[in-house]
Every structure is written in C-alpha cells, then in structure tokens.
Protein backbone atom coordinates (compact mmCIF):
# COMPACT_ATOMS: atom_id res chain seq x y z
CA MET A 1 0.00 0.00 0.00
CA ARG A 2 1.56 3.38 0.98
CA SER A 3 5.10 3.76 2.27
CA LYS A 4 5.76 5.58 5.53
CA ASN A 5 8.84 7.21 3.94
CA ASN A 6 6.87 8.72 1.08
CA PRO A 7 6.66 12.53 1.43
CA GLU A 8 3.06 12.41 0.13
CA ASN A 9 2.16 10.62 3.35
CA SER A 10 3.44 13.31 5.73
CA TYR A 11 -0.22 14.17 6.23
CA GLU A 12 -0.99 10.72 7.60
CA LEU A 13 -1.26 10.23 11.34
CA SER A 14 -0.50 7.25 13.53
CA LYS A 15 -3.29 5.91 15.73
CA ARG A 16 -1.94 7.76 18.78
CA GLU A 17 -1.48 10.99 16.84
CA LEU A 18 -5.06 10.73 15.63
CA ASP A 19 -6.26 10.03 19.20
CA VAL A 20 -4.59 13.24 20.39
CA MET A 21 -5.82 15.28 17.42
CA ASN A 22 -9.39 14.08 18.04
CA VAL A 23 -9.20 15.65 21.52
CA PHE A 24 -8.02 18.95 20.03
CA TRP A 25 -10.69 18.89 17.32
CA ALA A 26 -13.41 18.26 19.92
CA GLN A 27 -12.40 21.33 21.96
CA GLU A 28 -13.42 24.92 21.28
CA GLY A 29 -10.12 26.55 22.23
CA PRO A 30 -6.56 25.89 23.34
CA VAL A 31 -5.73 22.66 25.19
CA ILE A 32 -2.93 21.85 27.62
CA ALA A 33 -1.22 18.47 27.53
CA SER A 34 -2.36 17.45 31.02
CA ASP A 35 -6.03 17.79 30.00
CA ILE A 36 -5.78 15.24 27.18
CA PRO A 37 -5.49 12.09 29.37
CA LYS A 38 -8.53 13.35 31.29
CA VAL A 39 -10.53 13.34 28.05
CA ASN A 40 -9.02 10.14 26.61
CA GLY A 41 -8.05 7.81 29.43
CA SER A 42 -6.15 5.47 27.10
CA LEU A 43 -3.43 8.14 26.71
CA SER A 44 -0.79 8.70 29.39
CA ILE A 45 0.72 12.13 29.92
CA ASN A 46 4.10 10.79 28.69
CA THR A 47 2.52 9.56 25.45
CA VAL A 48 0.64 12.84 25.01
CA GLN A 49 3.80 14.92 25.43
CA ALA A 50 5.73 12.81 22.91
CA VAL A 51 2.85 12.89 20.42
CA ILE A 52 2.38 16.66 20.77
CA LYS A 53 6.04 17.15 19.93
CA LYS A 54 5.58 15.09 16.73
CA LEU A 55 2.37 16.91 15.83
CA ILE A 56 4.13 20.27 16.12
CA GLN A 57 6.89 18.99 13.82
CA LYS A 58 4.27 17.79 11.33
CA LYS A 59 2.58 21.22 11.52
CA TYR A 60 -0.68 19.89 12.94
CA LEU A 61 -0.42 21.83 16.19
CA LYS A 62 1.05 25.12 17.30
CA ILE A 63 1.84 26.54 20.71
CA ASP A 64 -0.87 29.06 21.52
CA GLU A 65 0.36 30.61 24.74
CA ILE A 66 1.91 29.93 28.13
CA VAL A 67 -0.77 29.59 30.81
CA TYR A 68 -1.05 28.60 34.44
CA SER A 69 -2.22 25.09 35.22
CA GLY A 70 -2.73 25.36 38.95
CA THR A 71 0.52 26.99 40.09
CA VAL A 72 2.64 25.72 37.20
CA LEU A 73 3.23 27.43 33.87
CA THR A 74 2.46 25.22 30.88
CA ARG A 75 2.01 25.55 27.14
CA SER A 76 -1.41 25.51 25.57
CA TYR A 77 -1.81 24.26 22.01
CA LEU A 78 -4.16 24.83 19.11
CA PRO A 79 -4.66 22.72 16.00
CA ILE A 80 -3.41 24.18 12.72
CA VAL A 81 -5.12 21.49 10.64
CA THR A 82 -8.87 21.18 11.11
CA ALA A 83 -10.67 17.84 11.25
CA ASP A 84 -12.36 18.74 7.95
CA GLU A 85 -9.03 19.47 6.24
CA TYR A 86 -7.59 16.21 7.54
CA ALA A 87 -10.61 14.20 6.40
CA LYS A 88 -10.55 15.75 2.92
CA ARG A 89 -6.84 15.00 2.52
CA GLN A 90 -7.37 11.40 3.65
CA ILE A 91 -10.22 10.99 1.18
CA GLN A 92 -8.09 12.46 -1.62
CA THR A 93 -5.23 10.10 -0.77
CA ASP A 94 -7.50 7.08 -0.53
CA ALA A 95 -9.40 8.01 -3.70
CA SER A 96 -6.12 8.33 -5.62
CA PHE A 97 -5.17 4.86 -4.45
CA LEU A 98 -8.61 3.39 -5.20
CA CYS A 99 -8.77 4.98 -8.66
CA LYS A 100 -5.84 2.80 -9.67
CA TYR A 101 -8.22 -0.17 -9.36
CA THR A 102 -11.60 1.35 -10.23
CA ASN A 103 -12.81 4.47 -12.00
CA LYS A 104 -13.63 7.72 -10.21
CA ILE A 105 -17.36 7.21 -10.74
CA GLY A 106 -17.09 3.90 -8.86
CA VAL A 107 -15.48 5.71 -5.93
CA VAL A 108 -18.25 8.34 -5.91
CA GLU A 109 -20.91 5.62 -6.14
CA ALA A 110 -19.37 3.84 -3.15
CA LEU A 111 -19.47 7.08 -1.14
CA LEU A 112 -23.09 7.64 -2.14
CA ASP A 113 -24.02 4.09 -1.18
CA ALA A 114 -22.60 4.73 2.30
CA GLU A 115 -24.76 7.84 2.78
CA GLU A 116 -28.11 7.56 4.59
CA ASP A 117 -29.62 10.74 3.12
CA GLN A 118 -28.69 10.36 -0.54
CA THR A 119 -31.21 12.97 -1.68
CA GLN A 120 -29.59 15.74 0.36
CA LEU A 121 -26.10 14.65 -0.66
CA LEU A 122 -27.09 14.57 -4.34
CA ASN A 123 -28.58 18.08 -4.02
CA ASP A 124 -25.36 19.29 -2.38
CA LEU A 125 -23.28 17.62 -5.10
CA GLU A 126 -25.42 19.20 -7.78
CA GLU A 127 -24.73 22.65 -6.31
CA LEU A 128 -21.02 21.84 -6.07
CA VAL A 129 -20.94 20.74 -9.72
CA LYS A 130 -22.69 23.95 -10.82
CA GLN A 131 -20.21 26.05 -8.83
CA ARG A 132 -17.20 24.15 -10.20
CA LYS A 133 -18.46 24.53 -13.79
CA LYS A 134 -18.95 28.24 -13.22
CA ASN A 135 -15.38 28.52 -11.87
CA LEU A 136 -14.00 26.63 -14.89
CA LYS A 137 -15.56 29.20 -17.25
CA LYS A 138 -13.77 32.08 -15.52
C-alpha cells in the first residue's frame, strides 16, 4: 500500500497521533497536555507529550500561549489542521489509491451508497458541480 517514507504521506497520522488530534478537534479553544489524558483515558501524559512534539513537527499543532495550570506554567496548544481538512486529505489520498483499481465514478458511487440521506447529498453535489463549472468558465 503506501510507504511511511513517502513525502506524500506526511499528512498521515499514527493511531496515537489521531487520538490526540481528536481531543483537540473536539475542543473549542486551546488545550494543555495534562487535560488530554482526562478526556481520553487510554493516553498517558508521557505519550501525550511525545505525540504533541511530533504533531508540532508535522505542523498539525502550534503553541498558543503559556498559561497557568494550577501553580505551574504550561504551554497551551491549538490545532493548525482542522478535522475537515484532515478528512478531505485522507479521502483524496485514498481516492487516488482506489482509482488505480476502479474508475472515479465507482469511488463516488461507493461514497453515495454509504450515505443515509442520498437525496440531500445529491442536491449538495449538484450545487457543487454547478459552482465548479462556473469557476471553470472564468
């Protein structure tokens, strides 16, 4: 399938990285590392700190500010990449892979088949197609 050393895959996240990012995406504002194990009990503070360091290197997170946690100063972090951006990139990557084995229409049909409200999705797609055609004419 896809190689871990491939630069195209720098957007991919490990399971633990995704676990941490899910906590950030679920929050409204900045998060401190010590709060993450409280939200996701399967993550230890040591794991969280190591993963946050990797996520900063991958440009998924940024340091927001230095805040007090009790009497101790600590960094708070904010996501740079939204859950929506991540999901779209994953879909693009997976669709590129799948299109090697099936046509693009087959991929779209599979996505439609997985949708409960196909009527709404088809209406949304119709609007998207109209907008894209309009943009192509410009």
